[in-house]
Amino acid sequence: MKTMTLCILALGCLLIFGLTGNAQSSTQDDAAAPGDSSQYTRQLSSSDPLTRQSAAEALARLAAVDQKKLVEGYALEEKDKRVRLALNWALYRMGKSMMLFPIVRDLDSPRHDQAADYLAQLEGPEPLYSFLRQDNTRARVTTRLLEVLGRVGDAETLNQIKPLNTSFDPRISEAAQTATNMIQRRLDQPQQPVKTRPRVLGQKPDR
């Protein structure tokens, strides 16, 4: 009887310890979650520009608005142009819409591929339309902007770039036609049917 009592007490202690340990682990995980963005902000002070660029791009993916002020400070001090471009992209994703201008401007720079990749991640092509209508936009910026729109454009984009198909600048008209063809091919592709789970006989449908 005494042995059985001791076993029961030991089992109870193990259960209590296990529950406490799980609770502490859960609390630690919850506490670590809000720090996800701050760890990238700390990496912005790294001496390695690739680390700083990678950290800025991570902050952009997180749209870490809570780090906006710090990122603004780093952007003002940043000397590496590729890192500064990444910081501008992070600030745009954090809600600073004016940062789209320097990103588009970098389409006419050695960083044009980096800028184009960021612009292709926009939630939609609409923010780029205004740059097509600006008279002071350089031809090289316009052609590379059209390349981006060719990748992400939709039916409305076709209307937006239609006037550029007859541009007097052959570079722009060719880029506009190429973008039109890319978008049209994408629109002509048959839509994939939405997959549904087969119903099991007697199973009630999901609500």
Protein backbone atom coordinates (compact mmCIF):
# COMPACT_ATOMS: atom_id res chain seq x y z
CA MET A 1 0.00 0.00 0.00
CA LYS A 2 2.84 2.34 0.92
CA THR A 3 4.61 1.55 -2.34
CA MET A 4 1.45 2.30 -4.31
CA THR A 5 1.03 5.64 -2.51
CA LEU A 6 4.61 6.63 -3.33
CA CYS A 7 4.07 5.71 -7.00
CA ILE A 8 0.95 7.86 -7.17
CA LEU A 9 2.78 10.82 -5.59
CA ALA A 10 5.69 10.44 -8.01
CA LEU A 11 3.34 10.30 -10.99
CA GLY A 12 1.57 13.44 -9.80
CA CYS A 13 4.87 15.30 -9.50
CA LEU A 14 5.84 14.28 -13.02
CA LEU A 15 2.51 15.51 -14.40
CA ILE A 16 2.80 18.84 -12.58
CA PHE A 17 6.39 19.29 -13.77
CA GLY A 18 5.41 18.44 -17.34
CA LEU A 19 2.55 20.91 -17.39
CA THR A 20 4.74 23.62 -15.85
CA GLY A 21 7.51 22.95 -18.35
CA ASN A 22 5.09 23.13 -21.27
CA ALA A 23 3.63 26.38 -19.95
CA GLN A 24 7.10 27.91 -19.58
CA SER A 25 8.04 26.75 -23.09
CA SER A 26 4.85 28.24 -24.50
CA THR A 27 5.48 31.50 -22.65
CA GLN A 28 9.02 31.68 -24.02
CA ASP A 29 7.78 31.05 -27.57
CA ASP A 30 5.15 33.76 -27.21
CA ALA A 31 7.75 36.18 -25.88
CA ALA A 32 10.10 35.43 -28.78
CA ALA A 33 7.48 36.10 -31.46
CA PRO A 34 7.37 39.92 -31.16
CA GLY A 35 11.20 40.00 -31.38
CA ASP A 36 11.27 38.53 -34.88
CA SER A 37 11.53 41.96 -36.51
CA SER A 38 13.91 43.47 -33.96
CA GLN A 39 16.55 40.83 -34.62
CA TYR A 40 16.65 41.96 -38.28
CA THR A 41 16.86 45.59 -37.22
CA ARG A 42 19.95 44.77 -35.17
CA GLN A 43 21.54 43.22 -38.26
CA LEU A 44 21.26 46.57 -40.05
CA SER A 45 24.31 47.68 -38.05
CA SER A 46 26.42 44.80 -39.43
CA SER A 47 29.67 45.67 -41.21
CA ASP A 48 28.69 43.25 -44.00
CA PRO A 49 26.49 44.95 -46.65
CA LEU A 50 24.99 41.62 -47.74
CA THR A 51 23.82 41.01 -44.18
CA ARG A 52 22.31 44.50 -44.03
CA GLN A 53 20.56 44.04 -47.38
CA SER A 54 19.18 40.64 -46.34
CA ALA A 55 17.93 42.10 -43.06
CA ALA A 56 16.20 44.99 -44.84
CA GLU A 57 14.50 42.55 -47.23
CA ALA A 58 13.34 40.44 -44.29
CA LEU A 59 11.85 43.53 -42.65
CA ALA A 60 10.10 44.29 -45.94
CA ARG A 61 8.57 40.81 -46.04
CA LEU A 62 7.35 41.25 -42.46
CA ALA A 63 6.14 44.80 -43.18
CA ALA A 64 7.50 45.50 -39.69
CA VAL A 65 5.83 48.85 -39.01
CA ASP A 66 7.06 48.78 -35.42
CA GLN A 67 10.63 49.15 -36.74
CA LYS A 68 9.85 51.99 -39.17
CA LYS A 69 11.58 54.81 -37.24
CA LEU A 70 14.76 52.79 -36.79
CA VAL A 71 14.81 51.77 -40.45
CA GLU A 72 14.37 55.41 -41.49
CA GLY A 73 17.45 56.29 -39.45
CA TYR A 74 19.52 53.52 -41.00
CA ALA A 75 18.37 54.53 -44.50
CA LEU A 76 19.62 58.09 -43.97
CA GLU A 77 23.06 56.87 -42.90
CA GLU A 78 23.46 53.98 -45.37
CA LYS A 79 26.27 54.44 -47.91
CA ASP A 80 25.90 51.20 -49.89
CA LYS A 81 23.41 51.84 -52.68
CA ARG A 82 22.10 48.28 -52.88
CA VAL A 83 21.43 48.26 -49.14
CA ARG A 84 19.78 51.68 -49.35
CA LEU A 85 17.51 50.38 -52.12
CA ALA A 86 16.53 47.44 -49.90
CA LEU A 87 15.83 49.84 -47.03
CA ASN A 88 13.66 52.00 -49.32
CA TRP A 89 11.70 48.88 -50.24
CA ALA A 90 11.28 48.00 -46.56
CA LEU A 91 10.02 51.52 -45.82
CA TYR A 92 7.55 51.32 -48.71
CA ARG A 93 6.22 48.03 -47.36
CA MET A 94 5.89 49.70 -43.95
CA GLY A 95 3.54 52.29 -45.45
CA LYS A 96 5.87 55.05 -46.63
CA SER A 97 4.44 55.31 -50.17
CA MET A 98 6.84 58.03 -51.33
CA MET A 99 9.66 55.46 -51.25
CA LEU A 100 8.27 54.00 -54.47
CA PHE A 101 9.81 56.93 -56.38
CA PRO A 102 13.49 56.15 -55.62
CA ILE A 103 12.83 52.45 -56.23
CA VAL A 104 11.44 53.17 -59.71
CA ARG A 105 14.27 55.63 -60.32
CA ASP A 106 16.76 52.84 -59.62
CA LEU A 107 15.47 51.05 -62.72
CA ASP A 108 17.91 53.37 -64.51
CA SER A 109 20.94 52.26 -62.50
CA PRO A 110 23.24 49.26 -62.09
CA ARG A 111 20.69 48.07 -59.52
CA HIS A 112 17.84 47.79 -62.05
CA ASP A 113 17.40 44.02 -61.58
CA GLN A 114 17.12 44.42 -57.81
CA ALA A 115 14.60 47.26 -58.18
CA ALA A 116 12.58 45.28 -60.74
CA ASP A 117 12.41 42.27 -58.42
CA TYR A 118 11.02 44.45 -55.63
CA LEU A 119 8.45 46.08 -57.91
CA ALA A 120 7.33 42.66 -59.13
CA GLN A 121 6.37 41.88 -55.52
CA LEU A 122 3.78 44.67 -55.36
CA GLU A 123 0.30 43.45 -54.48
CA GLY A 124 -0.91 44.82 -57.82
CA PRO A 125 0.37 46.85 -60.80
CA GLU A 126 -1.76 49.95 -60.07
CA PRO A 127 0.94 51.95 -58.20
CA LEU A 128 3.15 51.81 -61.29
CA TYR A 129 0.66 53.29 -63.76
CA SER A 130 1.34 56.90 -62.78
CA PHE A 131 5.00 56.57 -63.78
CA LEU A 132 3.97 55.64 -67.32
CA ARG A 133 2.18 58.98 -67.70
CA GLN A 134 5.00 61.19 -66.41
CA ASP A 135 6.69 63.18 -69.16
CA ASN A 136 9.96 63.39 -67.24
CA THR A 137 10.34 59.61 -66.88
CA ARG A 138 13.44 58.46 -68.71
CA ALA A 139 13.02 56.07 -71.61
CA ARG A 140 15.15 53.43 -69.91
CA VAL A 141 13.00 53.62 -66.78
CA THR A 142 9.84 53.33 -68.88
CA THR A 143 11.10 50.31 -70.82
CA ARG A 144 12.13 48.50 -67.64
CA LEU A 145 8.87 49.48 -65.98
CA LEU A 146 7.09 47.87 -68.91
CA GLU A 147 9.14 44.73 -68.36
CA VAL A 148 7.89 44.59 -64.77
CA LEU A 149 4.31 45.17 -65.89
CA GLY A 150 4.71 42.36 -68.39
CA ARG A 151 5.45 40.07 -65.45
CA VAL A 152 2.66 41.21 -63.11
CA GLY A 153 0.11 43.05 -65.25
CA ASP A 154 -3.55 42.21 -65.75
CA ALA A 155 -6.35 43.16 -68.14
CA GLU A 156 -6.41 46.77 -66.93
CA THR A 157 -2.66 47.01 -67.52
CA LEU A 158 -3.29 46.40 -71.22
CA ASN A 159 -5.37 49.60 -71.33
CA GLN A 160 -2.72 51.52 -69.42
CA ILE A 161 0.16 50.61 -71.74
CA LYS A 162 -1.84 50.70 -74.99
CA PRO A 163 -0.82 54.33 -75.84
CA LEU A 164 2.83 53.33 -75.55
CA ASN A 165 2.49 50.74 -78.32
CA THR A 166 2.70 53.62 -80.81
CA SER A 167 5.41 55.62 -79.00
CA PHE A 168 7.84 57.54 -81.23
CA ASP A 169 10.68 55.99 -79.22
CA PRO A 170 11.19 52.50 -80.72
CA ARG A 171 12.56 51.18 -77.41
CA ILE A 172 9.36 52.09 -75.60
CA SER A 173 7.00 50.86 -78.32
CA GLU A 174 8.85 47.54 -78.53
CA ALA A 175 8.82 47.12 -74.74
CA ALA A 176 5.10 47.97 -74.63
CA GLN A 177 4.30 45.41 -77.31
CA THR A 178 6.38 42.76 -75.54
CA ALA A 179 4.61 43.48 -72.24
CA THR A 180 1.23 43.33 -74.02
CA ASN A 181 2.05 39.92 -75.48
CA MET A 182 3.23 38.57 -72.10
CA ILE A 183 0.10 39.73 -70.32
CA GLN A 184 -2.21 38.51 -73.09
CA ARG A 185 -0.63 35.05 -73.10
CA ARG A 186 -1.11 34.86 -69.34
CA LEU A 187 -4.76 35.95 -69.62
CA ASP A 188 -5.40 33.42 -72.39
CA GLN A 189 -4.23 30.51 -70.26
CA PRO A 190 -7.16 28.41 -69.00
CA GLN A 191 -7.89 28.88 -65.34
CA GLN A 192 -7.04 25.87 -63.19
CA PRO A 193 -10.19 24.39 -61.65
CA VAL A 194 -10.51 24.74 -57.90
CA LYS A 195 -9.90 21.39 -56.27
CA THR A 196 -12.57 20.22 -53.85
CA ARG A 197 -12.45 17.34 -51.43
CA PRO A 198 -14.56 14.35 -52.44
CA ARG A 199 -17.58 13.88 -50.22
CA VAL A 200 -17.73 10.76 -48.15
CA LEU A 201 -21.09 9.03 -48.19
CA GLY A 202 -23.06 10.13 -45.17
CA GLN A 203 -20.69 13.01 -44.36
CA LYS A 204 -22.26 16.40 -43.77
CA PRO A 205 -20.95 19.19 -46.03
CA ASP A 206 -18.61 21.80 -44.49
CA ARG A 207 -20.25 25.04 -43.46
